[in-house]
Amino acid sequence: MEKVRLAYGETGLDLLCDPAVTTVVTPRHHQVSAPPQEILRSALRAPVAGPPLRERVRRGQTVAISACDGTRPQPRHLMIPAILEELDGLVDLDDVVVLVATGTHRGNSPAELREMFGDAVVDSVRIVNHDARDRGSLTWMGELGASVPVWLNSEWVDADVRITTGFVEPHFFAGFSGGPKLVAPGLAALETVLVLHDARRIGHPRAAWGIIEGNPVHDDVRAIAAATGVTFGFDVVLNQDKEVVAAFGGDLLEMHAAAVRTARGVAMQPVPHLFDVVVTTNSGYPLDQNLYQSVKGMSAAFQVVKPGGTIVCAAECRDGFPDHGSYRAVLASADSPAALFESISARTVTEPDQWQVQIQARIQSACRVVMHTSHLSDADLATAHLSQTSDISSFVAEALASAGPNARLCVLPEGPQTIPYVAGTAR
C-alpha cells in the first residue's frame, strides 16, 4: 500500500491506497525562482501592460486596495506591504484603506485580520470588511454587463486610486479567480452578487473550471470592472506550498489574462479516463474551513468521476456549514439533491448561496458524495444530504471493491489547487 498525504486543516491527513489502481494528481512542482519580495516588486515596477504603479499615482491622492477574505490563501502579508513600499513618499498612509473583498461572506475578526495581513499592516493602515448587505456603504453604478444591477463599495468608488490584489487559480464556475473578481462580486452589493450567481448563469455549460471567454459569470465580472475603473491590478500564482511563483501587475484585464495563462499550466492537468472513486480535499486550511467552500473540492473531483461513481471529500470544516449565510437553509429546503437541483434551476429570483447548493446538488444527483470532517456530525451532514466516514482508507478500499475488479481510484490531495480533466477535453 502507498501513503498519500491529503491537505486537511493545518495538519494534513494520510490516505492508504493501492498504487496499482491509483492515479494521484498534484500541482506541477514550480520552484520559487527568487524571494517573494523581489517577484512582487518586479510586477509592480515592470507590469504586463501600462505604466508601473508608482507612475499611476499622484501626491495627495486617496488609495483603496481590494484584498481577498480569510477563506483564500492570498499572501496579503506580502502583497500589501509591497504596494505600500511603492507608494512611499507619494501617499499618506492615512489616505489608504484596505478593503476585504468578502462578497457575501462574513467579515473577518480583528484577530483574523492580524493573521491575514500581519501586525505591521494592521497597525499602519485602515482595514475595512466589505458588507454586501449594508446599503449605506454602497454606491449605485448602473446596469452593466448583461443587465447586472451594480452597487459597489463606496470607499472603493470614491478613492482616487483603486488597486486590486488577488491570486489566480481555476474557479469552479467563474473559470479563474483573481483579477476583476476583486471588484465584483468581492466589493459588490448582495443584489449584484445574486444576479451574477443566478441559476441561468451558474447552470450555463461554460460556467466551469478554466473557462473565461463565453462564461456568462466571468463575462459580466470583466464588464463591471472595466466599466467602473481599476487603476492597477496585482495578482500572484502560488505553488502547492502556497509560495509565490509568479506575480503580475498592470492594466487589470491584460494582467489577469497573463496570470491565467500561467495558472492554467500550474493547476490543470489531464488524466487518461474517468474513475470509479475520486478522493478530494479542499486544499487544507484556510480553504477547508467550512462545507460551503468544500463544494469546490467536490466539483474538482466531479470532473473525472464516472456517472454513479463515488467522491470522498476530506475537509476539516472548523467553521461548520458555516452558520452565517443561507447555504444551510437552502440545502434543507428540499428532500433530495435531485429535488434541490430541479427547484433551484427553475428559479427566476435568486436566494443567497443557492449557487453553491445548485452545483452541489448537480454533483450529488450524478454520484455519491461522502465527507470526512472533524467538526460536523452525522446529523449535521444528513441535513445536507451527505454522509461521512471516519476512516477514509478503509472506506475507499470498500468502495473500490464494490465497483468491481477493474475499479480505478483518482486522488486529488490538494483538491481544487489542481483541476483534472480527461485528456482531449482541455478547457
Protein backbone atom coordinates (compact mmCIF):
# COMPACT_ATOMS: atom_id res chain seq x y z
CA MET A 1 0.00 0.00 0.00
CA GLU A 2 1.07 3.58 -0.67
CA LYS A 3 0.60 6.56 1.63
CA VAL A 4 -0.71 9.79 0.08
CA ARG A 5 -0.75 12.93 2.20
CA LEU A 6 -4.01 14.86 1.88
CA ALA A 7 -4.24 18.59 2.55
CA TYR A 8 -6.57 18.74 5.54
CA GLY A 9 -6.84 21.56 8.07
CA GLU A 10 -3.38 22.65 9.19
CA THR A 11 -2.02 19.17 9.90
CA GLY A 12 -2.86 17.01 6.88
CA LEU A 13 -4.27 13.50 6.68
CA ASP A 14 -2.87 10.22 5.32
CA LEU A 15 -4.67 8.02 2.78
CA LEU A 16 -3.51 4.44 2.22
CA CYS A 17 -4.18 3.17 -1.29
CA ASP A 18 -3.01 0.61 -3.82
CA PRO A 19 -0.64 2.31 -6.29
CA ALA A 20 -1.54 -0.24 -8.97
CA VAL A 21 -5.05 1.21 -9.30
CA THR A 22 -4.41 4.79 -8.22
CA THR A 23 -3.71 7.99 -10.14
CA VAL A 24 -2.54 10.89 -7.97
CA VAL A 25 -3.00 14.37 -9.42
CA THR A 26 -0.93 17.08 -7.77
CA PRO A 27 0.15 20.55 -8.86
CA ARG A 28 3.18 20.56 -11.12
CA HIS A 29 6.10 21.41 -8.92
CA HIS A 30 7.16 25.01 -9.51
CA GLN A 31 10.34 26.01 -7.78
CA VAL A 32 10.45 29.50 -6.36
CA SER A 33 12.86 31.46 -8.53
CA ALA A 34 13.51 34.41 -6.22
CA PRO A 35 12.49 35.80 -2.83
CA PRO A 36 8.78 36.77 -2.94
CA GLN A 37 9.54 40.43 -2.28
CA GLU A 38 11.63 40.55 -5.47
CA ILE A 39 8.94 38.82 -7.53
CA LEU A 40 6.26 41.19 -6.23
CA ARG A 41 8.37 44.31 -6.67
CA SER A 42 9.15 43.36 -10.25
CA ALA A 43 5.44 43.00 -11.06
CA LEU A 44 4.74 46.47 -9.66
CA ARG A 45 7.63 48.09 -11.48
CA ALA A 46 7.56 46.12 -14.78
CA PRO A 47 3.86 45.43 -15.37
CA VAL A 48 2.29 43.28 -18.08
CA ALA A 49 0.54 46.30 -19.59
CA GLY A 50 0.66 50.01 -18.88
CA PRO A 51 3.00 52.05 -16.70
CA PRO A 52 4.39 50.98 -13.31
CA LEU A 53 2.21 51.51 -10.26
CA ARG A 54 4.17 54.47 -8.97
CA GLU A 55 3.66 56.34 -12.25
CA ARG A 56 -0.12 55.98 -11.94
CA VAL A 57 -0.36 57.73 -8.58
CA ARG A 58 -0.03 61.44 -7.79
CA ARG A 59 0.85 63.03 -4.50
CA GLY A 60 -2.06 63.52 -2.14
CA GLN A 61 -4.38 61.01 -3.78
CA THR A 62 -6.53 58.58 -1.79
CA VAL A 63 -5.96 54.87 -2.35
CA ALA A 64 -8.26 51.84 -1.94
CA ILE A 65 -6.77 48.36 -2.10
CA SER A 66 -9.02 45.32 -2.54
CA ALA A 67 -7.82 42.04 -1.00
CA CYS A 68 -9.22 38.51 -0.60
CA ASP A 69 -11.00 37.48 2.60
CA GLY A 70 -9.78 34.89 5.07
CA THR A 71 -11.10 31.88 3.13
CA ARG A 72 -8.43 32.44 0.46
CA PRO A 73 -4.69 31.74 0.82
CA GLN A 74 -3.62 35.03 -0.74
CA PRO A 75 -0.25 36.22 0.64
CA ARG A 76 -1.74 39.52 1.76
CA HIS A 77 1.04 39.98 4.33
CA LEU A 78 3.49 40.22 1.41
CA MET A 79 1.42 41.89 -1.31
CA ILE A 80 0.06 44.83 0.69
CA PRO A 81 3.48 45.85 2.11
CA ALA A 82 4.93 45.64 -1.42
CA ILE A 83 2.30 48.14 -2.62
CA LEU A 84 2.79 50.45 0.35
CA GLU A 85 6.54 50.42 -0.27
CA GLU A 86 5.98 51.52 -3.88
CA LEU A 87 3.68 54.31 -2.75
CA ASP A 88 6.03 55.54 -0.04
CA GLY A 89 6.57 59.29 -0.33
CA LEU A 90 3.60 59.71 -2.66
CA VAL A 91 0.68 58.73 -0.47
CA ASP A 92 -0.01 59.37 3.20
CA LEU A 93 -0.92 56.13 4.98
CA ASP A 94 -3.92 57.92 6.46
CA ASP A 95 -5.24 58.15 2.88
CA VAL A 96 -5.02 54.37 2.30
CA VAL A 97 -7.81 51.90 3.01
CA VAL A 98 -7.60 48.14 2.52
CA LEU A 99 -10.99 46.66 1.70
CA VAL A 100 -11.51 42.97 2.47
CA ALA A 101 -13.45 41.75 -0.57
CA THR A 102 -15.82 39.48 1.30
CA GLY A 103 -18.52 39.27 -1.37
CA THR A 104 -21.37 37.81 0.66
CA HIS A 105 -19.10 36.08 3.20
CA ARG A 106 -18.81 37.22 6.80
CA GLY A 107 -16.30 39.88 7.74
CA ASN A 108 -13.01 38.82 9.30
CA SER A 109 -12.40 39.40 13.01
CA PRO A 110 -9.59 41.65 14.30
CA ALA A 111 -7.54 38.58 15.21
CA GLU A 112 -8.10 37.09 11.75
CA LEU A 113 -7.08 40.37 10.11
CA ARG A 114 -3.79 40.31 12.00
CA GLU A 115 -3.19 36.75 10.86
CA MET A 116 -4.09 37.65 7.27
CA PHE A 117 -2.23 40.93 6.88
CA GLY A 118 0.36 40.94 9.64
CA ASP A 119 0.70 43.37 12.54
CA ALA A 120 2.65 45.96 10.53
CA VAL A 121 -0.17 46.44 8.00
CA VAL A 122 -2.96 46.35 10.59
CA ASP A 123 -1.16 48.96 12.69
CA SER A 124 -0.34 51.28 9.78
CA VAL A 125 -3.42 51.43 7.53
CA ARG A 126 -7.18 51.22 7.96
CA ILE A 127 -8.71 47.83 7.07
CA VAL A 128 -12.45 47.55 6.41
CA ASN A 129 -14.55 44.44 5.85
CA HIS A 130 -16.86 44.96 2.90
CA ASP A 131 -20.51 44.40 3.80
CA ALA A 132 -22.70 43.45 0.83
CA ARG A 133 -25.85 43.96 2.90
CA ASP A 134 -25.13 47.50 4.15
CA ARG A 135 -26.79 49.68 1.52
CA GLY A 136 -25.46 52.78 3.28
CA SER A 137 -21.90 51.79 2.40
CA LEU A 138 -22.63 51.17 -1.28
CA THR A 139 -22.81 53.37 -4.40
CA TRP A 140 -25.07 52.76 -7.41
CA MET A 141 -23.05 52.31 -10.63
CA GLY A 142 -25.88 51.47 -13.05
CA GLU A 143 -26.74 48.34 -15.02
CA LEU A 144 -23.62 46.80 -16.53
CA GLY A 145 -22.77 43.65 -18.45
CA ALA A 146 -25.83 41.55 -19.24
CA SER A 147 -28.27 43.72 -17.24
CA VAL A 148 -26.50 43.36 -13.90
CA PRO A 149 -27.60 45.98 -11.33
CA VAL A 150 -24.28 47.11 -9.89
CA TRP A 151 -23.73 48.59 -6.44
CA LEU A 152 -20.11 48.81 -5.27
CA ASN A 153 -18.40 49.66 -2.00
CA SER A 154 -18.45 53.46 -1.66
CA GLU A 155 -14.92 53.68 -0.29
CA TRP A 156 -13.73 51.87 -3.39
CA VAL A 157 -15.73 54.06 -5.76
CA ASP A 158 -14.69 57.30 -4.05
CA ALA A 159 -10.94 56.55 -3.97
CA ASP A 160 -8.69 58.34 -6.45
CA VAL A 161 -6.61 55.19 -6.94
CA ARG A 162 -8.12 51.67 -6.96
CA ILE A 163 -5.84 48.63 -6.75
CA THR A 164 -6.99 45.00 -6.85
CA THR A 165 -4.85 42.31 -5.26
CA GLY A 166 -5.56 38.60 -5.50
CA PHE A 167 -4.31 35.20 -6.51
CA VAL A 168 -5.24 33.28 -9.62
CA GLU A 169 -6.37 29.65 -9.64
CA PRO A 170 -9.10 27.75 -11.50
CA HIS A 171 -12.59 28.57 -10.22
CA PHE A 172 -15.50 26.16 -10.40
CA PHE A 173 -17.98 28.48 -12.11
CA ALA A 174 -16.14 31.74 -12.78
CA GLY A 175 -13.33 30.00 -14.70
CA PHE A 176 -10.46 31.56 -12.75
CA SER A 177 -10.20 33.59 -9.56
CA GLY A 178 -8.41 36.90 -9.08
CA GLY A 179 -8.38 39.97 -11.26
CA PRO A 180 -11.81 41.53 -11.82
CA LYS A 181 -13.45 39.31 -9.16
CA LEU A 182 -11.83 41.58 -6.58
CA VAL A 183 -14.28 44.28 -7.74
CA ALA A 184 -17.41 42.19 -8.23
CA PRO A 185 -18.51 40.07 -6.53
CA GLY A 186 -15.81 40.96 -3.99
CA LEU A 187 -16.90 44.56 -3.32
CA ALA A 188 -20.45 44.38 -4.65
CA ALA A 189 -23.89 44.54 -3.08
CA LEU A 190 -25.88 41.42 -2.33
CA GLU A 191 -28.29 42.39 -5.12
CA THR A 192 -25.40 42.45 -7.59
CA VAL A 193 -23.98 39.15 -6.39
CA LEU A 194 -27.35 37.43 -6.63
CA VAL A 195 -27.68 38.34 -10.29
CA LEU A 196 -24.09 37.31 -11.08
CA HIS A 197 -24.84 33.96 -9.41
CA ASP A 198 -28.35 33.35 -10.72
CA ALA A 199 -29.49 29.90 -11.82
CA ARG A 200 -29.20 30.71 -15.53
CA ARG A 201 -25.58 31.83 -15.29
CA ILE A 202 -24.49 29.07 -12.89
CA GLY A 203 -26.26 26.44 -14.99
CA HIS A 204 -24.58 27.54 -18.23
CA PRO A 205 -22.24 24.86 -19.66
CA ARG A 206 -19.37 27.36 -19.92
CA ALA A 207 -19.67 28.44 -16.28
CA ALA A 208 -16.97 25.95 -15.38
CA TRP A 209 -13.39 25.39 -14.31
CA GLY A 210 -10.83 27.06 -16.56
CA ILE A 211 -13.25 28.87 -18.90
CA ILE A 212 -13.40 32.66 -19.02
CA GLU A 213 -14.46 33.74 -22.51
CA GLY A 214 -18.10 32.92 -23.16
CA ASN A 215 -18.61 32.17 -19.48
CA PRO A 216 -21.63 34.35 -18.55
CA VAL A 217 -20.37 34.80 -14.97
CA HIS A 218 -16.87 35.94 -15.89
CA ASP A 219 -18.05 37.94 -18.90
CA ASP A 220 -20.14 40.10 -16.57
CA VAL A 221 -17.42 40.28 -13.92
CA ARG A 222 -14.98 41.65 -16.52
CA ALA A 223 -17.57 44.08 -17.85
CA ILE A 224 -18.22 45.51 -14.38
CA ALA A 225 -14.54 46.02 -13.60
CA ALA A 226 -13.87 47.60 -16.98
CA ALA A 227 -16.82 49.98 -16.76
CA THR A 228 -16.15 51.14 -13.18
CA GLY A 229 -12.39 51.54 -13.40
CA VAL A 230 -9.37 49.93 -11.78
CA THR A 231 -6.11 51.86 -11.60
CA PHE A 232 -3.83 48.84 -11.22
CA GLY A 233 -4.31 45.07 -10.95
CA PHE A 234 -1.90 42.90 -8.96
CA ASP A 235 -2.18 39.09 -8.88
CA VAL A 236 0.01 36.16 -7.92
CA VAL A 237 0.14 32.47 -8.79
CA LEU A 238 1.02 30.10 -5.95
CA ASN A 239 2.56 26.63 -5.91
CA GLN A 240 1.28 23.74 -3.80
CA ASP A 241 3.18 25.07 -0.79
CA LYS A 242 1.34 28.38 -1.23
CA GLU A 243 4.58 30.10 -2.19
CA VAL A 244 4.65 32.90 -4.77
CA VAL A 245 5.99 31.51 -8.04
CA ALA A 246 4.86 34.38 -10.27
CA ALA A 247 3.36 37.85 -9.93
CA PHE A 248 1.62 40.04 -12.46
CA GLY A 249 0.78 43.74 -12.40
CA GLY A 250 -0.65 46.39 -14.67
CA ASP A 251 -3.86 47.11 -16.56
CA LEU A 252 -6.39 44.81 -14.96
CA LEU A 253 -7.70 42.59 -17.76
CA GLU A 254 -4.37 42.22 -19.56
CA MET A 255 -2.64 41.46 -16.26
CA HIS A 256 -5.25 38.86 -15.35
CA ALA A 257 -5.08 37.18 -18.75
CA ALA A 258 -1.32 36.71 -18.32
CA ALA A 259 -1.81 35.31 -14.82
CA VAL A 260 -4.47 32.91 -16.11
CA ARG A 261 -2.07 31.51 -18.71
CA THR A 262 0.45 30.71 -16.00
CA ALA A 263 -2.16 29.37 -13.56
CA ARG A 264 -3.58 27.07 -16.21
CA GLY A 265 -0.19 25.40 -16.62
CA VAL A 266 0.31 25.16 -12.88
CA ALA A 267 -3.13 23.99 -11.81
CA MET A 268 -4.85 21.99 -14.58
CA GLN A 269 -3.75 18.50 -15.60
CA PRO A 270 -5.06 15.77 -17.94
CA VAL A 271 -5.90 12.23 -16.84
CA PRO A 272 -6.48 9.29 -19.18
CA HIS A 273 -10.05 8.35 -18.22
CA LEU A 274 -12.86 8.68 -15.69
CA PHE A 275 -12.58 6.94 -12.31
CA ASP A 276 -14.86 4.84 -10.12
CA VAL A 277 -13.75 6.59 -6.93
CA VAL A 278 -12.20 10.04 -6.52
CA VAL A 279 -10.77 11.30 -3.24
CA THR A 280 -10.52 15.06 -2.97
CA THR A 281 -9.89 17.78 -0.39
CA ASN A 282 -10.48 21.50 -0.24
CA SER A 283 -6.76 22.25 -0.13
CA GLY A 284 -6.50 22.37 3.65
CA TYR A 285 -6.65 25.46 5.83
CA PRO A 286 -7.81 28.16 5.22
CA LEU A 287 -9.83 26.89 2.25
CA ASP A 288 -11.46 23.96 4.06
CA GLN A 289 -12.89 25.97 6.94
CA ASN A 290 -16.49 25.15 6.03
CA LEU A 291 -18.70 22.87 3.98
CA TYR A 292 -19.77 25.73 1.70
CA GLN A 293 -16.23 26.22 0.44
CA SER A 294 -15.71 22.45 0.20
CA VAL A 295 -18.13 22.26 -2.72
CA LYS A 296 -15.14 23.40 -4.78
CA GLY A 297 -13.28 20.24 -3.84
CA MET A 298 -16.31 18.15 -4.76
CA SER A 299 -16.55 19.96 -8.10
CA ALA A 300 -12.88 19.30 -8.88
CA ALA A 301 -13.47 15.58 -8.30
CA PHE A 302 -16.67 15.66 -10.35
CA GLN A 303 -14.65 16.47 -13.46
CA VAL A 304 -13.22 12.93 -13.53
CA VAL A 305 -15.64 10.64 -11.66
CA LYS A 306 -17.76 8.12 -13.56
CA PRO A 307 -21.52 8.65 -13.56
CA GLY A 308 -22.77 6.83 -10.48
CA GLY A 309 -19.27 6.75 -9.00
CA THR A 310 -18.14 7.87 -5.56
CA ILE A 311 -16.49 11.10 -4.39
CA VAL A 312 -14.87 11.24 -0.96
CA CYS A 313 -14.16 14.80 0.22
CA ALA A 314 -11.87 15.43 3.20
CA ALA A 315 -12.44 18.91 4.64
CA GLU A 316 -11.94 19.91 8.27
CA CYS A 317 -14.94 22.34 8.39
CA ARG A 318 -13.88 24.03 11.64
CA ASP A 319 -16.37 26.80 10.80
CA GLY A 320 -19.21 24.34 10.22
CA PHE A 321 -21.56 24.93 7.28
CA PRO A 322 -20.99 27.89 8.23
CA ASP A 323 -23.78 29.19 10.45
CA HIS A 324 -23.90 32.58 8.73
CA GLY A 325 -25.47 32.96 5.30
CA SER A 326 -28.27 30.94 3.69
CA TYR A 327 -26.35 27.87 2.49
CA ARG A 328 -27.58 25.52 5.22
CA ALA A 329 -31.19 26.64 4.90
CA VAL A 330 -31.18 26.23 1.11
CA LEU A 331 -29.70 22.74 1.46
CA ALA A 332 -32.54 21.77 3.77
CA SER A 333 -35.26 23.24 1.55
CA ALA A 334 -35.86 20.00 -0.40
CA ASP A 335 -35.75 16.33 0.49
CA SER A 336 -33.16 15.20 -2.07
CA PRO A 337 -30.33 16.58 -4.23
CA ALA A 338 -32.39 15.96 -7.37
CA ALA A 339 -35.31 17.94 -5.97
CA LEU A 340 -32.96 20.74 -4.90
CA PHE A 341 -31.38 20.94 -8.34
CA GLU A 342 -34.74 21.00 -10.10
CA SER A 343 -36.10 23.66 -7.75
CA ILE A 344 -33.11 25.98 -8.00
CA SER A 345 -32.74 25.61 -11.77
CA ALA A 346 -36.33 26.80 -12.20
CA ARG A 347 -35.94 29.94 -10.07
CA THR A 348 -36.18 33.40 -11.54
CA VAL A 349 -35.40 35.08 -8.19
CA THR A 350 -32.03 34.21 -6.66
CA GLU A 351 -31.65 33.41 -2.98
CA PRO A 352 -28.29 33.96 -1.25
CA ASP A 353 -25.96 30.94 -1.51
CA GLN A 354 -28.26 29.00 -3.84
CA TRP A 355 -25.45 28.83 -6.42
CA GLN A 356 -23.31 26.69 -4.15
CA VAL A 357 -26.25 24.38 -3.48
CA GLN A 358 -27.09 24.26 -7.20
CA ILE A 359 -23.61 22.97 -8.01
CA GLN A 360 -23.53 20.60 -5.03
CA ALA A 361 -26.96 19.21 -5.89
CA ARG A 362 -25.94 18.64 -9.51
CA ILE A 363 -22.91 16.64 -8.30
CA GLN A 364 -24.89 14.64 -5.74
CA SER A 365 -27.58 13.88 -8.29
CA ALA A 366 -24.98 12.22 -10.52
CA CYS A 367 -22.80 10.38 -8.00
CA ARG A 368 -22.37 9.50 -4.33
CA VAL A 369 -20.55 12.06 -2.16
CA VAL A 370 -19.15 11.09 1.23
CA MET A 371 -17.39 13.54 3.58
CA HIS A 372 -14.64 13.25 6.16
CA THR A 373 -14.72 16.17 8.61
CA SER A 374 -13.62 16.94 12.15
CA HIS A 375 -16.33 19.38 13.14
CA LEU A 376 -19.62 18.27 11.54
CA SER A 377 -21.72 15.44 12.99
CA ASP A 378 -23.51 12.77 11.01
CA ALA A 379 -26.78 14.56 11.83
CA ASP A 380 -25.39 17.87 10.55
CA LEU A 381 -24.34 16.30 7.28
CA ALA A 382 -27.65 14.48 6.89
CA THR A 383 -29.34 17.88 6.53
CA ALA A 384 -27.02 18.47 3.56
CA HIS A 385 -27.98 15.06 2.07
CA LEU A 386 -24.45 13.84 2.86
CA SER A 387 -22.89 11.08 4.93
CA GLN A 388 -19.36 10.80 6.25
CA THR A 389 -16.65 8.32 7.08
CA SER A 390 -14.18 8.44 9.96
CA ASP A 391 -11.71 6.17 8.13
CA ILE A 392 -11.09 7.28 4.55
CA SER A 393 -8.62 4.49 3.70
CA SER A 394 -11.00 1.71 4.69
CA PHE A 395 -13.96 3.40 3.02
CA VAL A 396 -12.08 3.86 -0.26
CA ALA A 397 -10.97 0.21 -0.26
CA GLU A 398 -14.56 -0.90 0.25
CA ALA A 399 -15.87 1.46 -2.46
CA LEU A 400 -13.33 0.14 -4.96
CA ALA A 401 -14.20 -3.45 -4.10
CA SER A 402 -17.88 -2.71 -4.63
CA ALA A 403 -17.15 -1.13 -8.02
CA GLY A 404 -15.62 -4.33 -9.36
CA PRO A 405 -12.24 -5.87 -10.17
CA ASN A 406 -11.22 -3.21 -12.69
CA ALA A 407 -12.12 -0.23 -10.49
CA ARG A 408 -9.76 2.72 -10.50
CA LEU A 409 -9.05 5.46 -7.96
CA CYS A 410 -8.05 9.08 -8.50
CA VAL A 411 -6.67 11.17 -5.63
CA LEU A 412 -6.60 14.98 -5.59
CA PRO A 413 -4.54 15.59 -2.42
CA GLU A 414 -4.62 19.36 -2.94
CA GLY A 415 -8.26 19.40 -4.05
CA PRO A 416 -9.10 22.32 -6.36
CA GLN A 417 -5.50 23.54 -6.41
CA THR A 418 -5.16 21.17 -9.39
CA ILE A 419 -8.16 20.59 -11.64
CA PRO A 420 -8.09 17.31 -13.56
CA TYR A 421 -9.74 16.82 -16.92
CA VAL A 422 -9.94 13.85 -19.28
CA ALA A 423 -7.28 14.18 -21.96
CA GLY A 424 -8.70 15.59 -25.16
CA THR A 425 -11.27 17.76 -23.39
CA ALA A 426 -8.98 20.60 -22.24
CA ARG A 427 -10.67 23.89 -21.49
